[in-house]
Amino acid sequence: MDFSSLETWGYFAVAFFAFGGSLFIVAAAGVFAYMGKMDLVTVLVVATVSNYLGDMFLFYLGRYQKKEIQPYFAKHKRKIALATLIMRKYGIWAIFIQKFLYGIKTLVPLSMALSKYDFKKFGFYNIFASIIFVCTIGLSAYYSSEGIISMFSYIKENPWIAPVILFSIVGSVWYLMEYMTKKR
């Protein structure tokens, strides 16, 4: 077994980052599958299982390790409040919605655990949410890989574009999160 190849370490990277809920690694894996560097079905299965386990771990921490994790979230009281509002407003749909929202995807499972939401019920719905999340992102990237690859080729020829795009995305996400978490 060659331990220096993408085929070997790529699946470990997908498992590690999907555990944390990264949609970028799932999208990248979809593109690599399109390029023949990874197997699409294996990528989707690994990412789904890992994503499921990551949210279950967060729920477990929120339920049984409450005192130990509270200091880490002292600065994020508004985001926790937003996650709690999303959970109350949308119920089980919050489990599905949170997978796609950066900034609160970690907080919704914790908020649900802190609100005494049923562990088994969360686990049941989280299975389907993980499948939908990974398939949506992974298959979208897989089927739009030609456009993604040509975009990266264009950026490679014009490297000044990459920082502009990066700062635009980061700025937009930051502004949106600030806007959503401010008192009105």
C-alpha atoms as a PDB file:
ATOM      1  CA  MET A   1       0.000   0.000   0.000  1.00  0.00           C
ATOM      2  CA  ASP A   2       1.416   3.390  -1.024  1.00  0.00           C
ATOM      3  CA  PHE A   3       1.061   5.791   1.923  1.00  0.00           C
ATOM      4  CA  SER A   4       2.049   8.860  -0.069  1.00  0.00           C
ATOM      5  CA  SER A   5      -0.834   8.957  -2.498  1.00  0.00           C
ATOM      6  CA  LEU A   6      -4.090  10.877  -2.629  1.00  0.00           C
ATOM      7  CA  GLU A   7      -5.916   7.587  -2.989  1.00  0.00           C
ATOM      8  CA  THR A   8      -4.695   6.558   0.464  1.00  0.00           C
ATOM      9  CA  TRP A   9      -4.686   9.793   2.446  1.00  0.00           C
ATOM     10  CA  GLY A  10      -7.630  11.352   0.605  1.00  0.00           C
ATOM     11  CA  TYR A  11     -10.140   9.070   2.313  1.00  0.00           C
ATOM     12  CA  PHE A  12      -8.605   9.816   5.726  1.00  0.00           C
ATOM     13  CA  ALA A  13      -8.833  13.543   4.964  1.00  0.00           C
ATOM     14  CA  VAL A  14     -12.482  13.152   3.939  1.00  0.00           C
ATOM     15  CA  ALA A  15     -13.236  11.247   7.158  1.00  0.00           C
ATOM     16  CA  PHE A  16     -11.397  13.758   9.356  1.00  0.00           C
ATOM     17  CA  PHE A  17     -12.851  16.937   7.855  1.00  0.00           C
ATOM     18  CA  ALA A  18     -16.359  15.548   7.289  1.00  0.00           C
ATOM     19  CA  PHE A  19     -16.405  14.715  11.017  1.00  0.00           C
ATOM     20  CA  GLY A  20     -16.183  18.467  11.551  1.00  0.00           C
ATOM     21  CA  GLY A  21     -18.850  19.133   8.931  1.00  0.00           C
ATOM     22  CA  SER A  22     -16.648  20.521   6.155  1.00  0.00           C
ATOM     23  CA  LEU A  23     -18.574  20.874   2.934  1.00  0.00           C
ATOM     24  CA  PHE A  24     -15.379  21.924   1.116  1.00  0.00           C
ATOM     25  CA  ILE A  25     -13.677  18.546   1.615  1.00  0.00           C
ATOM     26  CA  VAL A  26     -16.802  16.743   0.397  1.00  0.00           C
ATOM     27  CA  ALA A  27     -16.911  18.986  -2.691  1.00  0.00           C
ATOM     28  CA  ALA A  28     -13.173  18.487  -3.313  1.00  0.00           C
ATOM     29  CA  ALA A  29     -13.595  14.727  -2.976  1.00  0.00           C
ATOM     30  CA  GLY A  30     -16.420  14.858  -5.532  1.00  0.00           C
ATOM     31  CA  VAL A  31     -14.096  16.620  -7.972  1.00  0.00           C
ATOM     32  CA  PHE A  32     -11.293  14.120  -7.290  1.00  0.00           C
ATOM     33  CA  ALA A  33     -13.762  11.287  -7.896  1.00  0.00           C
ATOM     34  CA  TYR A  34     -14.658  12.860 -11.230  1.00  0.00           C
ATOM     35  CA  MET A  35     -10.952  13.000 -12.093  1.00  0.00           C
ATOM     36  CA  GLY A  36     -10.598   9.303 -11.257  1.00  0.00           C
ATOM     37  CA  LYS A  37      -8.376   9.885  -8.213  1.00  0.00           C
ATOM     38  CA  MET A  38     -10.954   8.581  -5.725  1.00  0.00           C
ATOM     39  CA  ASP A  39     -14.009   6.340  -5.827  1.00  0.00           C
ATOM     40  CA  LEU A  40     -17.249   8.338  -5.664  1.00  0.00           C
ATOM     41  CA  VAL A  41     -19.295   5.780  -3.715  1.00  0.00           C
ATOM     42  CA  THR A  42     -16.512   5.264  -1.163  1.00  0.00           C
ATOM     43  CA  VAL A  43     -16.113   9.031  -0.737  1.00  0.00           C
ATOM     44  CA  LEU A  44     -19.851   9.495  -0.184  1.00  0.00           C
ATOM     45  CA  VAL A  45     -20.066   6.629   2.319  1.00  0.00           C
ATOM     46  CA  VAL A  46     -16.975   7.726   4.280  1.00  0.00           C
ATOM     47  CA  ALA A  47     -18.140  11.346   4.373  1.00  0.00           C
ATOM     48  CA  THR A  48     -21.695  10.394   5.411  1.00  0.00           C
ATOM     49  CA  VAL A  49     -20.597   8.110   8.248  1.00  0.00           C
ATOM     50  CA  SER A  50     -18.008  10.593   9.471  1.00  0.00           C
ATOM     51  CA  ASN A  51     -20.417  13.542   9.300  1.00  0.00           C
ATOM     52  CA  TYR A  52     -23.042  11.558  11.196  1.00  0.00           C
ATOM     53  CA  LEU A  53     -20.551  10.599  13.899  1.00  0.00           C
ATOM     54  CA  GLY A  54     -19.348  14.196  14.205  1.00  0.00           C
ATOM     55  CA  ASP A  55     -22.811  15.539  14.958  1.00  0.00           C
ATOM     56  CA  MET A  56     -23.525  12.660  17.327  1.00  0.00           C
ATOM     57  CA  PHE A  57     -20.287  13.486  19.150  1.00  0.00           C
ATOM     58  CA  LEU A  58     -21.333  17.136  19.464  1.00  0.00           C
ATOM     59  CA  PHE A  59     -24.748  16.095  20.756  1.00  0.00           C
ATOM     60  CA  TYR A  60     -23.070  13.781  23.284  1.00  0.00           C
ATOM     61  CA  LEU A  61     -20.787  16.619  24.457  1.00  0.00           C
ATOM     62  CA  GLY A  62     -23.741  18.963  24.864  1.00  0.00           C
ATOM     63  CA  ARG A  63     -25.722  16.407  26.806  1.00  0.00           C
ATOM     64  CA  TYR A  64     -23.118  14.779  29.048  1.00  0.00           C
ATOM     65  CA  GLN A  65     -20.106  17.138  29.133  1.00  0.00           C
ATOM     66  CA  LYS A  66     -21.969  20.419  29.555  1.00  0.00           C
ATOM     67  CA  LYS A  67     -19.700  21.940  32.207  1.00  0.00           C
ATOM     68  CA  GLU A  68     -16.527  21.101  30.308  1.00  0.00           C
ATOM     69  CA  ILE A  69     -17.602  22.731  27.026  1.00  0.00           C
ATOM     70  CA  GLN A  70     -19.350  25.843  28.353  1.00  0.00           C
ATOM     71  CA  PRO A  71     -16.144  27.943  28.644  1.00  0.00           C
ATOM     72  CA  TYR A  72     -15.438  27.413  24.933  1.00  0.00           C
ATOM     73  CA  PHE A  73     -18.771  28.884  23.929  1.00  0.00           C
ATOM     74  CA  ALA A  74     -18.831  31.912  26.245  1.00  0.00           C
ATOM     75  CA  LYS A  75     -17.946  34.211  23.315  1.00  0.00           C
ATOM     76  CA  HIS A  76     -20.651  32.741  21.087  1.00  0.00           C
ATOM     77  CA  LYS A  77     -23.776  33.402  23.135  1.00  0.00           C
ATOM     78  CA  ARG A  78     -25.581  35.137  20.255  1.00  0.00           C
ATOM     79  CA  LYS A  79     -24.799  32.290  17.861  1.00  0.00           C
ATOM     80  CA  ILE A  80     -26.032  29.780  20.414  1.00  0.00           C
ATOM     81  CA  ALA A  81     -29.198  31.837  20.804  1.00  0.00           C
ATOM     82  CA  LEU A  82     -29.609  31.866  17.009  1.00  0.00           C
ATOM     83  CA  ALA A  83     -29.086  28.105  16.856  1.00  0.00           C
ATOM     84  CA  THR A  84     -31.675  27.647  19.610  1.00  0.00           C
ATOM     85  CA  LEU A  85     -34.157  29.853  17.735  1.00  0.00           C
ATOM     86  CA  ILE A  86     -33.607  27.865  14.538  1.00  0.00           C
ATOM     87  CA  MET A  87     -34.149  24.651  16.477  1.00  0.00           C
ATOM     88  CA  ARG A  88     -37.355  25.934  18.089  1.00  0.00           C
ATOM     89  CA  LYS A  89     -38.723  27.431  14.891  1.00  0.00           C
ATOM     90  CA  TYR A  90     -37.962  24.538  12.543  1.00  0.00           C
ATOM     91  CA  GLY A  91     -37.913  21.538  14.886  1.00  0.00           C
ATOM     92  CA  ILE A  92     -36.429  18.468  13.261  1.00  0.00           C
ATOM     93  CA  TRP A  93     -35.742  20.444  10.082  1.00  0.00           C
ATOM     94  CA  ALA A  94     -33.059  22.299  12.044  1.00  0.00           C
ATOM     95  CA  ILE A  95     -31.036  19.078  11.950  1.00  0.00           C
ATOM     96  CA  PHE A  96     -31.127  19.224   8.143  1.00  0.00           C
ATOM     97  CA  ILE A  97     -30.707  22.993   7.815  1.00  0.00           C
ATOM     98  CA  GLN A  98     -27.704  23.256  10.133  1.00  0.00           C
ATOM     99  CA  LYS A  99     -25.609  20.974   7.943  1.00  0.00           C
ATOM    100  CA  PHE A 100     -25.457  23.689   5.278  1.00  0.00           C
ATOM    101  CA  LEU A 101     -24.913  26.731   7.544  1.00  0.00           C
ATOM    102  CA  TYR A 102     -21.343  27.563   8.437  1.00  0.00           C
ATOM    103  CA  GLY A 103     -20.974  29.275  11.753  1.00  0.00           C
ATOM    104  CA  ILE A 104     -23.823  27.483  13.498  1.00  0.00           C
ATOM    105  CA  LYS A 105     -23.464  23.904  12.261  1.00  0.00           C
ATOM    106  CA  THR A 106     -21.550  23.048  15.424  1.00  0.00           C
ATOM    107  CA  LEU A 107     -23.942  24.886  17.691  1.00  0.00           C
ATOM    108  CA  VAL A 108     -27.263  23.331  16.650  1.00  0.00           C
ATOM    109  CA  PRO A 109     -26.419  19.805  17.884  1.00  0.00           C
ATOM    110  CA  LEU A 110     -25.080  21.345  21.107  1.00  0.00           C
ATOM    111  CA  SER A 111     -28.211  23.493  21.543  1.00  0.00           C
ATOM    112  CA  MET A 112     -30.451  20.522  20.899  1.00  0.00           C
ATOM    113  CA  ALA A 113     -28.564  18.496  23.479  1.00  0.00           C
ATOM    114  CA  LEU A 114     -28.719  21.303  26.024  1.00  0.00           C
ATOM    115  CA  SER A 115     -32.475  21.609  25.482  1.00  0.00           C
ATOM    116  CA  LYS A 116     -32.926  17.934  26.403  1.00  0.00           C
ATOM    117  CA  TYR A 117     -33.878  16.886  22.855  1.00  0.00           C
ATOM    118  CA  ASP A 118     -34.176  13.084  22.656  1.00  0.00           C
ATOM    119  CA  PHE A 119     -30.797  11.487  21.793  1.00  0.00           C
ATOM    120  CA  LYS A 120     -32.323   8.628  19.766  1.00  0.00           C
ATOM    121  CA  LYS A 121     -34.588  10.951  17.815  1.00  0.00           C
ATOM    122  CA  PHE A 122     -31.651  13.234  16.985  1.00  0.00           C
ATOM    123  CA  GLY A 123     -29.608  10.208  15.893  1.00  0.00           C
ATOM    124  CA  PHE A 124     -32.404   8.939  13.670  1.00  0.00           C
ATOM    125  CA  TYR A 125     -32.934  12.237  11.840  1.00  0.00           C
ATOM    126  CA  ASN A 126     -29.213  12.917  11.721  1.00  0.00           C
ATOM    127  CA  ILE A 127     -28.731   9.790   9.574  1.00  0.00           C
ATOM    128  CA  PHE A 128     -30.941  11.233   6.853  1.00  0.00           C
ATOM    129  CA  ALA A 129     -29.557  14.754   7.258  1.00  0.00           C
ATOM    130  CA  SER A 130     -26.007  13.430   6.817  1.00  0.00           C
ATOM    131  CA  ILE A 131     -26.975  11.463   3.708  1.00  0.00           C
ATOM    132  CA  ILE A 132     -28.728  14.467   2.147  1.00  0.00           C
ATOM    133  CA  PHE A 133     -25.880  16.849   3.039  1.00  0.00           C
ATOM    134  CA  VAL A 134     -23.099  14.649   1.669  1.00  0.00           C
ATOM    135  CA  CYS A 135     -24.988  13.591  -1.448  1.00  0.00           C
ATOM    136  CA  THR A 136     -26.044  17.175  -2.232  1.00  0.00           C
ATOM    137  CA  ILE A 137     -22.534  18.597  -1.903  1.00  0.00           C
ATOM    138  CA  GLY A 138     -20.583  15.600  -3.225  1.00  0.00           C
ATOM    139  CA  LEU A 139     -22.774  14.908  -6.241  1.00  0.00           C
ATOM    140  CA  SER A 140     -23.123  18.606  -7.080  1.00  0.00           C
ATOM    141  CA  ALA A 141     -19.336  18.908  -7.163  1.00  0.00           C
ATOM    142  CA  TYR A 142     -19.008  15.661  -9.100  1.00  0.00           C
ATOM    143  CA  TYR A 143     -21.454  16.695 -11.823  1.00  0.00           C
ATOM    144  CA  SER A 144     -20.112  20.248 -12.081  1.00  0.00           C
ATOM    145  CA  SER A 145     -16.447  19.200 -11.991  1.00  0.00           C
ATOM    146  CA  GLU A 146     -15.663  20.389 -15.512  1.00  0.00           C
ATOM    147  CA  GLY A 147     -16.699  23.920 -14.600  1.00  0.00           C
ATOM    148  CA  ILE A 148     -14.840  23.771 -11.285  1.00  0.00           C
ATOM    149  CA  ILE A 149     -11.667  22.489 -12.941  1.00  0.00           C
ATOM    150  CA  SER A 150     -11.809  25.157 -15.650  1.00  0.00           C
ATOM    151  CA  MET A 151     -12.380  27.838 -12.989  1.00  0.00           C
ATOM    152  CA  PHE A 152      -9.281  26.700 -11.088  1.00  0.00           C
ATOM    153  CA  SER A 153      -7.303  26.638 -14.341  1.00  0.00           C
ATOM    154  CA  TYR A 154      -8.347  30.235 -14.985  1.00  0.00           C
ATOM    155  CA  ILE A 155      -7.349  31.212 -11.440  1.00  0.00           C
ATOM    156  CA  LYS A 156      -4.002  29.484 -11.937  1.00  0.00           C
ATOM    157  CA  GLU A 157      -3.395  31.668 -15.018  1.00  0.00           C
ATOM    158  CA  ASN A 158      -4.604  34.817 -13.161  1.00  0.00           C
ATOM    159  CA  PRO A 159      -3.426  34.338  -9.545  1.00  0.00           C
ATOM    160  CA  TRP A 160      -4.590  37.783  -8.418  1.00  0.00           C
ATOM    161  CA  ILE A 161      -8.196  36.563  -8.617  1.00  0.00           C
ATOM    162  CA  ALA A 162      -7.821  33.995  -5.820  1.00  0.00           C
ATOM    163  CA  PRO A 163      -7.338  36.499  -2.956  1.00  0.00           C
ATOM    164  CA  VAL A 164     -10.194  38.644  -4.271  1.00  0.00           C
ATOM    165  CA  ILE A 165     -12.543  35.655  -4.318  1.00  0.00           C
ATOM    166  CA  LEU A 166     -11.319  34.423  -0.921  1.00  0.00           C
ATOM    167  CA  PHE A 167     -11.734  37.803   0.792  1.00  0.00           C
ATOM    168  CA  SER A 168     -15.144  38.255  -0.835  1.00  0.00           C
ATOM    169  CA  ILE A 169     -16.378  34.907   0.454  1.00  0.00           C
ATOM    170  CA  VAL A 170     -14.906  35.338   3.932  1.00  0.00           C
ATOM    171  CA  GLY A 171     -16.218  38.904   4.140  1.00  0.00           C
ATOM    172  CA  SER A 172     -19.687  37.882   3.008  1.00  0.00           C
ATOM    173  CA  VAL A 173     -19.889  35.007   5.497  1.00  0.00           C
ATOM    174  CA  TRP A 174     -18.586  37.237   8.297  1.00  0.00           C
ATOM    175  CA  TYR A 175     -21.049  40.023   7.462  1.00  0.00           C
ATOM    176  CA  LEU A 176     -23.955  37.576   7.235  1.00  0.00           C
ATOM    177  CA  MET A 177     -23.106  35.980  10.580  1.00  0.00           C
ATOM    178  CA  GLU A 178     -22.691  39.392  12.223  1.00  0.00           C
ATOM    179  CA  TYR A 179     -26.003  40.558  10.747  1.00  0.00           C
ATOM    180  CA  MET A 180     -27.850  37.411  11.842  1.00  0.00           C
ATOM    181  CA  THR A 181     -26.502  37.466  15.398  1.00  0.00           C
ATOM    182  CA  LYS A 182     -27.014  41.178  16.210  1.00  0.00           C
ATOM    183  CA  LYS A 183     -29.888  42.466  18.277  1.00  0.00           C
ATOM    184  CA  ARG A 184     -32.613  44.147  16.267  1.00  0.00           C
END
